[in-house]
Amino acid sequence: MSAQERPYITCQELLDFLHLYLEDELPEERQREFDRHLAVCDPCRAYIRQYEDAIRLGKAAFGDPDGPAQADTPEELVQAILRTRRKA
């Protein structure tokens, strides 16, 4: 039975192997099954976007703690963090 004839993988199957999918470490046939599922599953596409955002934000949070704040960081937040760091 070809991948086209098989039913789509489930959302749970996609989540179970999501890290391999995002690291591009799935076998080619399994990759196609994931892509086929994602082509029709809006909730899984949204979940992956949120997952990738969480990873990106998590990495950014542990960047250079002494580096400059981003331009859009509220000054009030910057000052609160600096006060807390001085107390520590």
PDB file of N, CA and C in Angstrom:
ATOM      1  N   MET A   1       0.852  -1.176   0.000  1.00  0.00           N
ATOM      2  CA  MET A   1       0.000   0.000   0.000  1.00  0.00           C
ATOM      3  C   MET A   1       0.900   1.243   0.000  1.00  0.00           C
ATOM      4  N   SER A   2       0.686   2.146  -0.905  1.00  0.00           N
ATOM      5  CA  SER A   2       1.505   3.350  -1.008  1.00  0.00           C
ATOM      6  C   SER A   2       1.056   4.386   0.023  1.00  0.00           C
ATOM      7  N   ALA A   3       1.884   5.412   0.216  1.00  0.00           N
ATOM      8  CA  ALA A   3       1.553   6.488   1.158  1.00  0.00           C
ATOM      9  C   ALA A   3       0.269   7.188   0.744  1.00  0.00           C
ATOM     10  N   GLN A   4       0.012   7.269  -0.552  1.00  0.00           N
ATOM     11  CA  GLN A   4      -1.206   7.925  -1.022  1.00  0.00           C
ATOM     12  C   GLN A   4      -2.450   7.113  -0.678  1.00  0.00           C
ATOM     13  N   GLU A   5      -2.316   5.808  -0.582  1.00  0.00           N
ATOM     14  CA  GLU A   5      -3.458   4.943  -0.294  1.00  0.00           C
ATOM     15  C   GLU A   5      -3.721   4.810   1.202  1.00  0.00           C
ATOM     16  N   ARG A   6      -2.680   5.012   2.022  1.00  0.00           N
ATOM     17  CA  ARG A   6      -2.824   4.881   3.468  1.00  0.00           C
ATOM     18  C   ARG A   6      -3.582   6.060   4.045  1.00  0.00           C
ATOM     19  N   PRO A   7      -4.235   5.848   5.164  1.00  0.00           N
ATOM     20  CA  PRO A   7      -4.856   6.993   5.841  1.00  0.00           C
ATOM     21  C   PRO A   7      -3.780   7.947   6.354  1.00  0.00           C
ATOM     22  N   TYR A   8      -4.171   9.161   6.592  1.00  0.00           N
ATOM     23  CA  TYR A   8      -3.246  10.145   7.143  1.00  0.00           C
ATOM     24  C   TYR A   8      -2.780   9.699   8.527  1.00  0.00           C
ATOM     25  N   ILE A   9      -1.572  10.140   8.900  1.00  0.00           N
ATOM     26  CA  ILE A   9      -1.158   9.893  10.279  1.00  0.00           C
ATOM     27  C   ILE A   9      -2.064  10.725  11.187  1.00  0.00           C
ATOM     28  N   THR A  10      -2.156  10.324  12.422  1.00  0.00           N
ATOM     29  CA  THR A  10      -3.004  11.067  13.360  1.00  0.00           C
ATOM     30  C   THR A  10      -2.236  12.260  13.909  1.00  0.00           C
ATOM     31  N   CYS A  11      -2.972  13.158  14.535  1.00  0.00           N
ATOM     32  CA  CYS A  11      -2.336  14.308  15.184  1.00  0.00           C
ATOM     33  C   CYS A  11      -1.391  13.822  16.282  1.00  0.00           C
ATOM     34  N   GLN A  12      -1.784  12.805  17.015  1.00  0.00           N
ATOM     35  CA  GLN A  12      -0.940  12.279  18.083  1.00  0.00           C
ATOM     36  C   GLN A  12       0.362  11.710  17.522  1.00  0.00           C
ATOM     37  N   GLU A  13       0.282  11.004  16.404  1.00  0.00           N
ATOM     38  CA  GLU A  13       1.502  10.478  15.777  1.00  0.00           C
ATOM     39  C   GLU A  13       2.424  11.622  15.367  1.00  0.00           C
ATOM     40  N   LEU A  14       1.838  12.676  14.854  1.00  0.00           N
ATOM     41  CA  LEU A  14       2.630  13.831  14.459  1.00  0.00           C
ATOM     42  C   LEU A  14       3.336  14.406  15.680  1.00  0.00           C
ATOM     43  N   LEU A  15       2.638  14.552  16.790  1.00  0.00           N
ATOM     44  CA  LEU A  15       3.237  15.116  18.000  1.00  0.00           C
ATOM     45  C   LEU A  15       4.316  14.207  18.579  1.00  0.00           C
ATOM     46  N   ASP A  16       4.113  12.900  18.482  1.00  0.00           N
ATOM     47  CA  ASP A  16       5.085  11.953  19.027  1.00  0.00           C
ATOM     48  C   ASP A  16       6.453  12.067  18.358  1.00  0.00           C
ATOM     49  N   PHE A  17       6.466  12.467  17.105  1.00  0.00           N
ATOM     50  CA  PHE A  17       7.720  12.533  16.354  1.00  0.00           C
ATOM     51  C   PHE A  17       8.031  13.953  15.879  1.00  0.00           C
ATOM     52  N   LEU A  18       7.407  14.939  16.498  1.00  0.00           N
ATOM     53  CA  LEU A  18       7.553  16.322  16.066  1.00  0.00           C
ATOM     54  C   LEU A  18       9.005  16.792  16.095  1.00  0.00           C
ATOM     55  N   HIS A  19       9.723  16.438  17.156  1.00  0.00           N
ATOM     56  CA  HIS A  19      11.119  16.889  17.250  1.00  0.00           C
ATOM     57  C   HIS A  19      11.948  16.357  16.082  1.00  0.00           C
ATOM     58  N   LEU A  20      11.692  15.126  15.666  1.00  0.00           N
ATOM     59  CA  LEU A  20      12.425  14.566  14.522  1.00  0.00           C
ATOM     60  C   LEU A  20      12.033  15.284  13.229  1.00  0.00           C
ATOM     61  N   TYR A  21      10.756  15.616  13.109  1.00  0.00           N
ATOM     62  CA  TYR A  21      10.271  16.335  11.927  1.00  0.00           C
ATOM     63  C   TYR A  21      10.955  17.699  11.824  1.00  0.00           C
ATOM     64  N   LEU A  22      10.983  18.427  12.939  1.00  0.00           N
ATOM     65  CA  LEU A  22      11.549  19.770  12.918  1.00  0.00           C
ATOM     66  C   LEU A  22      13.068  19.763  12.735  1.00  0.00           C
ATOM     67  N   GLU A  23      13.705  18.682  13.129  1.00  0.00           N
ATOM     68  CA  GLU A  23      15.154  18.551  12.938  1.00  0.00           C
ATOM     69  C   GLU A  23      15.486  17.911  11.601  1.00  0.00           C
ATOM     70  N   ASP A  24      14.468  17.635  10.794  1.00  0.00           N
ATOM     71  CA  ASP A  24      14.616  17.021   9.478  1.00  0.00           C
ATOM     72  C   ASP A  24      15.346  15.679   9.579  1.00  0.00           C
ATOM     73  N   GLU A  25      14.943  14.883  10.598  1.00  0.00           N
ATOM     74  CA  GLU A  25      15.577  13.590  10.830  1.00  0.00           C
ATOM     75  C   GLU A  25      14.639  12.409  10.600  1.00  0.00           C
ATOM     76  N   LEU A  26      13.518  12.639   9.982  1.00  0.00           N
ATOM     77  CA  LEU A  26      12.597  11.541   9.677  1.00  0.00           C
ATOM     78  C   LEU A  26      12.999  10.866   8.376  1.00  0.00           C
ATOM     79  N   PRO A  27      12.746   9.562   8.283  1.00  0.00           N
ATOM     80  CA  PRO A  27      12.943   8.905   6.985  1.00  0.00           C
ATOM     81  C   PRO A  27      12.048   9.585   5.942  1.00  0.00           C
ATOM     82  N   GLU A  28      12.471   9.532   4.707  1.00  0.00           N
ATOM     83  CA  GLU A  28      11.776  10.251   3.627  1.00  0.00           C
ATOM     84  C   GLU A  28      10.286   9.911   3.559  1.00  0.00           C
ATOM     85  N   GLU A  29       9.941   8.643   3.663  1.00  0.00           N
ATOM     86  CA  GLU A  29       8.523   8.259   3.577  1.00  0.00           C
ATOM     87  C   GLU A  29       7.721   8.835   4.740  1.00  0.00           C
ATOM     88  N   ARG A  30       8.297   8.803   5.941  1.00  0.00           N
ATOM     89  CA  ARG A  30       7.616   9.348   7.114  1.00  0.00           C
ATOM     90  C   ARG A  30       7.471  10.859   6.985  1.00  0.00           C
ATOM     91  N   GLN A  31       8.471  11.507   6.428  1.00  0.00           N
ATOM     92  CA  GLN A  31       8.427  12.953   6.182  1.00  0.00           C
ATOM     93  C   GLN A  31       7.252  13.296   5.269  1.00  0.00           C
ATOM     94  N   ARG A  32       7.075  12.505   4.230  1.00  0.00           N
ATOM     95  CA  ARG A  32       5.954  12.734   3.309  1.00  0.00           C
ATOM     96  C   ARG A  32       4.616  12.574   4.034  1.00  0.00           C
ATOM     97  N   GLU A  33       4.526  11.590   4.944  1.00  0.00           N
ATOM     98  CA  GLU A  33       3.292  11.392   5.702  1.00  0.00           C
ATOM     99  C   GLU A  33       3.000  12.604   6.591  1.00  0.00           C
ATOM    100  N   PHE A  34       4.036  13.144   7.207  1.00  0.00           N
ATOM    101  CA  PHE A  34       3.864  14.342   8.022  1.00  0.00           C
ATOM    102  C   PHE A  34       3.387  15.505   7.144  1.00  0.00           C
ATOM    103  N   ASP A  35       4.065  15.714   6.024  1.00  0.00           N
ATOM    104  CA  ASP A  35       3.700  16.810   5.125  1.00  0.00           C
ATOM    105  C   ASP A  35       2.267  16.656   4.629  1.00  0.00           C
ATOM    106  N   ARG A  36       1.879  15.433   4.342  1.00  0.00           N
ATOM    107  CA  ARG A  36       0.521  15.154   3.874  1.00  0.00           C
ATOM    108  C   ARG A  36      -0.501  15.498   4.967  1.00  0.00           C
ATOM    109  N   HIS A  37      -0.191  15.135   6.202  1.00  0.00           N
ATOM    110  CA  HIS A  37      -1.081  15.456   7.325  1.00  0.00           C
ATOM    111  C   HIS A  37      -1.177  16.970   7.504  1.00  0.00           C
ATOM    112  N   LEU A  38      -0.020  17.626   7.486  1.00  0.00           N
ATOM    113  CA  LEU A  38      -0.005  19.074   7.705  1.00  0.00           C
ATOM    114  C   LEU A  38      -0.727  19.842   6.600  1.00  0.00           C
ATOM    115  N   ALA A  39      -0.793  19.270   5.424  1.00  0.00           N
ATOM    116  CA  ALA A  39      -1.490  19.929   4.314  1.00  0.00           C
ATOM    117  C   ALA A  39      -2.983  20.061   4.578  1.00  0.00           C
ATOM    118  N   VAL A  40      -3.520  19.212   5.461  1.00  0.00           N
ATOM    119  CA  VAL A  40      -4.968  19.237   5.708  1.00  0.00           C
ATOM    120  C   VAL A  40      -5.334  19.539   7.156  1.00  0.00           C
ATOM    121  N   CYS A  41      -4.357  19.724   8.037  1.00  0.00           N
ATOM    122  CA  CYS A  41      -4.657  19.872   9.466  1.00  0.00           C
ATOM    123  C   CYS A  41      -4.216  21.245   9.988  1.00  0.00           C
ATOM    124  N   ASP A  42      -5.147  22.180   9.997  1.00  0.00           N
ATOM    125  CA  ASP A  42      -4.853  23.525  10.500  1.00  0.00           C
ATOM    126  C   ASP A  42      -4.389  23.520  11.961  1.00  0.00           C
ATOM    127  N   PRO A  43      -5.016  22.747  12.851  1.00  0.00           N
ATOM    128  CA  PRO A  43      -4.565  22.765  14.253  1.00  0.00           C
ATOM    129  C   PRO A  43      -3.112  22.308  14.417  1.00  0.00           C
ATOM    130  N   CYS A  44      -2.683  21.319  13.669  1.00  0.00           N
ATOM    131  CA  CYS A  44      -1.293  20.866  13.775  1.00  0.00           C
ATOM    132  C   CYS A  44      -0.333  21.918  13.220  1.00  0.00           C
ATOM    133  N   ARG A  45      -0.706  22.584  12.145  1.00  0.00           N
ATOM    134  CA  ARG A  45       0.147  23.660  11.613  1.00  0.00           C
ATOM    135  C   ARG A  45       0.274  24.782  12.640  1.00  0.00           C
ATOM    136  N   ALA A  46      -0.841  25.132  13.276  1.00  0.00           N
ATOM    137  CA  ALA A  46      -0.809  26.180  14.297  1.00  0.00           C
ATOM    138  C   ALA A  46       0.041  25.738  15.487  1.00  0.00           C
ATOM    139  N   TYR A  47      -0.079  24.491  15.882  1.00  0.00           N
ATOM    140  CA  TYR A  47       0.699  23.972  17.005  1.00  0.00           C
ATOM    141  C   TYR A  47       2.197  24.046  16.699  1.00  0.00           C
ATOM    142  N   ILE A  48       2.575  23.659  15.501  1.00  0.00           N
ATOM    143  CA  ILE A  48       3.989  23.692  15.118  1.00  0.00           C
ATOM    144  C   ILE A  48       4.513  25.122  15.129  1.00  0.00           C
ATOM    145  N   ARG A  49       3.715  26.069  14.633  1.00  0.00           N
ATOM    146  CA  ARG A  49       4.150  27.477  14.666  1.00  0.00           C
ATOM    147  C   ARG A  49       4.378  27.929  16.109  1.00  0.00           C
ATOM    148  N   GLN A  50       3.446  27.581  16.999  1.00  0.00           N
ATOM    149  CA  GLN A  50       3.586  27.963  18.406  1.00  0.00           C
ATOM    150  C   GLN A  50       4.789  27.269  19.044  1.00  0.00           C
ATOM    151  N   TYR A  51       5.005  26.019  18.707  1.00  0.00           N
ATOM    152  CA  TYR A  51       6.137  25.253  19.228  1.00  0.00           C
ATOM    153  C   TYR A  51       7.445  25.903  18.794  1.00  0.00           C
ATOM    154  N   GLU A  52       7.537  26.257  17.521  1.00  0.00           N
ATOM    155  CA  GLU A  52       8.752  26.897  17.009  1.00  0.00           C
ATOM    156  C   GLU A  52       8.955  28.270  17.647  1.00  0.00           C
ATOM    157  N   ASP A  53       7.858  29.020  17.852  1.00  0.00           N
ATOM    158  CA  ASP A  53       7.964  30.312  18.528  1.00  0.00           C
ATOM    159  C   ASP A  53       8.480  30.138  19.950  1.00  0.00           C
ATOM    160  N   ALA A  54       7.976  29.126  20.658  1.00  0.00           N
ATOM    161  CA  ALA A  54       8.412  28.883  22.036  1.00  0.00           C
ATOM    162  C   ALA A  54       9.900  28.558  22.079  1.00  0.00           C
ATOM    163  N   ILE A  55      10.366  27.765  21.141  1.00  0.00           N
ATOM    164  CA  ILE A  55      11.801  27.433  21.086  1.00  0.00           C
ATOM    165  C   ILE A  55      12.617  28.688  20.809  1.00  0.00           C
ATOM    166  N   ARG A  56      12.182  29.468  19.834  1.00  0.00           N
ATOM    167  CA  ARG A  56      12.906  30.696  19.478  1.00  0.00           C
ATOM    168  C   ARG A  56      12.941  31.661  20.656  1.00  0.00           C
ATOM    169  N   LEU A  57      11.812  31.849  21.332  1.00  0.00           N
ATOM    170  CA  LEU A  57      11.756  32.772  22.464  1.00  0.00           C
ATOM    171  C   LEU A  57      12.573  32.257  23.647  1.00  0.00           C
ATOM    172  N   GLY A  58      12.532  30.944  23.854  1.00  0.00           N
ATOM    173  CA  GLY A  58      13.328  30.354  24.925  1.00  0.00           C
ATOM    174  C   GLY A  58      14.812  30.571  24.705  1.00  0.00           C
ATOM    175  N   LYS A  59      15.258  30.385  23.481  1.00  0.00           N
ATOM    176  CA  LYS A  59      16.673  30.613  23.169  1.00  0.00           C
ATOM    177  C   LYS A  59      17.026  32.084  23.328  1.00  0.00           C
ATOM    178  N   ALA A  60      16.138  32.961  22.900  1.00  0.00           N
ATOM    179  CA  ALA A  60      16.391  34.398  23.011  1.00  0.00           C
ATOM    180  C   ALA A  60      16.455  34.827  24.475  1.00  0.00           C
ATOM    181  N   ALA A  61      15.669  34.188  25.327  1.00  0.00           N
ATOM    182  CA  ALA A  61      15.652  34.546  26.747  1.00  0.00           C
ATOM    183  C   ALA A  61      16.973  34.242  27.422  1.00  0.00           C
ATOM    184  N   PHE A  62      17.728  33.306  26.877  1.00  0.00           N
ATOM    185  CA  PHE A  62      18.999  32.937  27.473  1.00  0.00           C
ATOM    186  C   PHE A  62      20.175  33.475  26.670  1.00  0.00           C
ATOM    187  N   GLY A  63      19.903  34.530  25.918  1.00  0.00           N
ATOM    188  CA  GLY A  63      20.977  35.184  25.179  1.00  0.00           C
ATOM    189  C   GLY A  63      21.873  35.933  26.149  1.00  0.00           C
ATOM    190  N   ASP A  64      22.576  36.907  25.694  1.00  0.00           N
ATOM    191  CA  ASP A  64      23.508  37.683  26.510  1.00  0.00           C
ATOM    192  C   ASP A  64      22.737  38.511  27.536  1.00  0.00           C
ATOM    193  N   PRO A  65      22.783  38.123  28.830  1.00  0.00           N
ATOM    194  CA  PRO A  65      22.012  38.848  29.841  1.00  0.00           C
ATOM    195  C   PRO A  65      22.524  40.266  30.074  1.00  0.00           C
ATOM    196  N   ASP A  66      23.752  40.541  29.679  1.00  0.00           N
ATOM    197  CA  ASP A  66      24.313  41.880  29.852  1.00  0.00           C
ATOM    198  C   ASP A  66      24.262  42.698  28.566  1.00  0.00           C
ATOM    199  N   GLY A  67      23.698  42.108  27.526  1.00  0.00           N
ATOM    200  CA  GLY A  67      23.594  42.811  26.250  1.00  0.00           C
ATOM    201  C   GLY A  67      22.486  43.846  26.303  1.00  0.00           C
ATOM    202  N   PRO A  68      22.419  44.670  25.284  1.00  0.00           N
ATOM    203  CA  PRO A  68      21.392  45.715  25.257  1.00  0.00           C
ATOM    204  C   PRO A  68      19.988  45.115  25.108  1.00  0.00           C
ATOM    205  N   ALA A  69      19.025  45.804  25.673  1.00  0.00           N
ATOM    206  CA  ALA A  69      17.635  45.389  25.530  1.00  0.00           C
ATOM    207  C   ALA A  69      17.187  45.658  24.100  1.00  0.00           C
ATOM    208  N   GLN A  70      16.200  44.909  23.664  1.00  0.00           N
ATOM    209  CA  GLN A  70      15.658  45.152  22.327  1.00  0.00           C
ATOM    210  C   GLN A  70      14.982  46.519  22.311  1.00  0.00           C
ATOM    211  N   ALA A  71      14.932  47.133  21.156  1.00  0.00           N
ATOM    212  CA  ALA A  71      14.391  48.480  21.018  1.00  0.00           C
ATOM    213  C   ALA A  71      12.944  48.583  21.494  1.00  0.00           C
ATOM    214  N   ASP A  72      12.174  47.523  21.361  1.00  0.00           N
ATOM    215  CA  ASP A  72      10.763  47.593  21.733  1.00  0.00           C
ATOM    216  C   ASP A  72      10.498  47.153  23.177  1.00  0.00           C
ATOM    217  N   THR A  73      11.566  46.936  23.966  1.00  0.00           N
ATOM    218  CA  THR A  73      11.394  46.556  25.365  1.00  0.00           C
ATOM    219  C   THR A  73      10.981  47.789  26.163  1.00  0.00           C
ATOM    220  N   PRO A  74       9.874  47.713  26.898  1.00  0.00           N
ATOM    221  CA  PRO A  74       9.425  48.876  27.674  1.00  0.00           C
ATOM    222  C   PRO A  74      10.477  49.284  28.713  1.00  0.00           C
ATOM    223  N   GLU A  75      10.753  50.557  28.797  1.00  0.00           N
ATOM    224  CA  GLU A  75      11.749  51.075  29.738  1.00  0.00           C
ATOM    225  C   GLU A  75      11.399  50.701  31.173  1.00  0.00           C
ATOM    226  N   GLU A  76      10.134  50.686  31.485  1.00  0.00           N
ATOM    227  CA  GLU A  76       9.676  50.308  32.830  1.00  0.00           C
ATOM    228  C   GLU A  76      10.130  48.871  33.166  1.00  0.00           C
ATOM    229  N   LEU A  77      10.047  47.979  32.209  1.00  0.00           N
ATOM    230  CA  LEU A  77      10.481  46.602  32.412  1.00  0.00           C
ATOM    231  C   LEU A  77      12.000  46.539  32.603  1.00  0.00           C
ATOM    232  N   VAL A  78      12.731  47.269  31.794  1.00  0.00           N
ATOM    233  CA  VAL A  78      14.195  47.293  31.905  1.00  0.00           C
ATOM    234  C   VAL A  78      14.592  47.763  33.298  1.00  0.00           C
ATOM    235  N   GLN A  79      13.984  48.828  33.783  1.00  0.00           N
ATOM    236  CA  GLN A  79      14.328  49.367  35.100  1.00  0.00           C
ATOM    237  C   GLN A  79      13.976  48.396  36.215  1.00  0.00           C
ATOM    238  N   ALA A  80      12.857  47.703  36.095  1.00  0.00           N
ATOM    239  CA  ALA A  80      12.462  46.718  37.104  1.00  0.00           C
ATOM    240  C   ALA A  80      13.466  45.572  37.157  1.00  0.00           C
ATOM    241  N   ILE A  81      13.929  45.132  36.018  1.00  0.00           N
ATOM    242  CA  ILE A  81      14.921  44.050  35.968  1.00  0.00           C
ATOM    243  C   ILE A  81      16.233  44.521  36.581  1.00  0.00           C
ATOM    244  N   LEU A  82      16.656  45.731  36.249  1.00  0.00           N
ATOM    245  CA  LEU A  82      17.908  46.253  36.803  1.00  0.00           C
ATOM    246  C   LEU A  82      17.825  46.398  38.322  1.00  0.00           C
ATOM    247  N   ARG A  83      16.691  46.858  38.839  1.00  0.00           N
ATOM    248  CA  ARG A  83      16.514  46.970  40.298  1.00  0.00           C
ATOM    249  C   ARG A  83      16.618  45.604  40.958  1.00  0.00           C
ATOM    250  N   THR A  84      15.997  44.617  40.351  1.00  0.00           N
ATOM    251  CA  THR A  84      16.015  43.257  40.903  1.00  0.00           C
ATOM    252  C   THR A  84      17.431  42.695  40.878  1.00  0.00           C
ATOM    253  N   ARG A  85      18.156  42.932  39.811  1.00  0.00           N
ATOM    254  CA  ARG A  85      19.534  42.417  39.703  1.00  0.00           C
ATOM    255  C   ARG A  85      20.445  43.073  40.745  1.00  0.00           C
ATOM    256  N   ARG A  86      20.204  44.358  41.043  1.00  0.00           N
ATOM    257  CA  ARG A  86      21.029  45.050  42.046  1.00  0.00           C
ATOM    258  C   ARG A  86      20.784  44.476  43.437  1.00  0.00           C
ATOM    259  N   LYS A  87      19.554  44.047  43.708  1.00  0.00           N
ATOM    260  CA  LYS A  87      19.202  43.482  45.015  1.00  0.00           C
ATOM    261  C   LYS A  87      19.788  42.108  45.206  1.00  0.00           C
ATOM    262  N   ALA A  88      20.003  41.382  44.119  1.00  0.00           N
ATOM    263  CA  ALA A  88      20.478  39.983  44.213  1.00  0.00           C
ATOM    264  C   ALA A  88      21.913  39.863  44.628  1.00  0.00           C
TER     265      ALA A  88
END
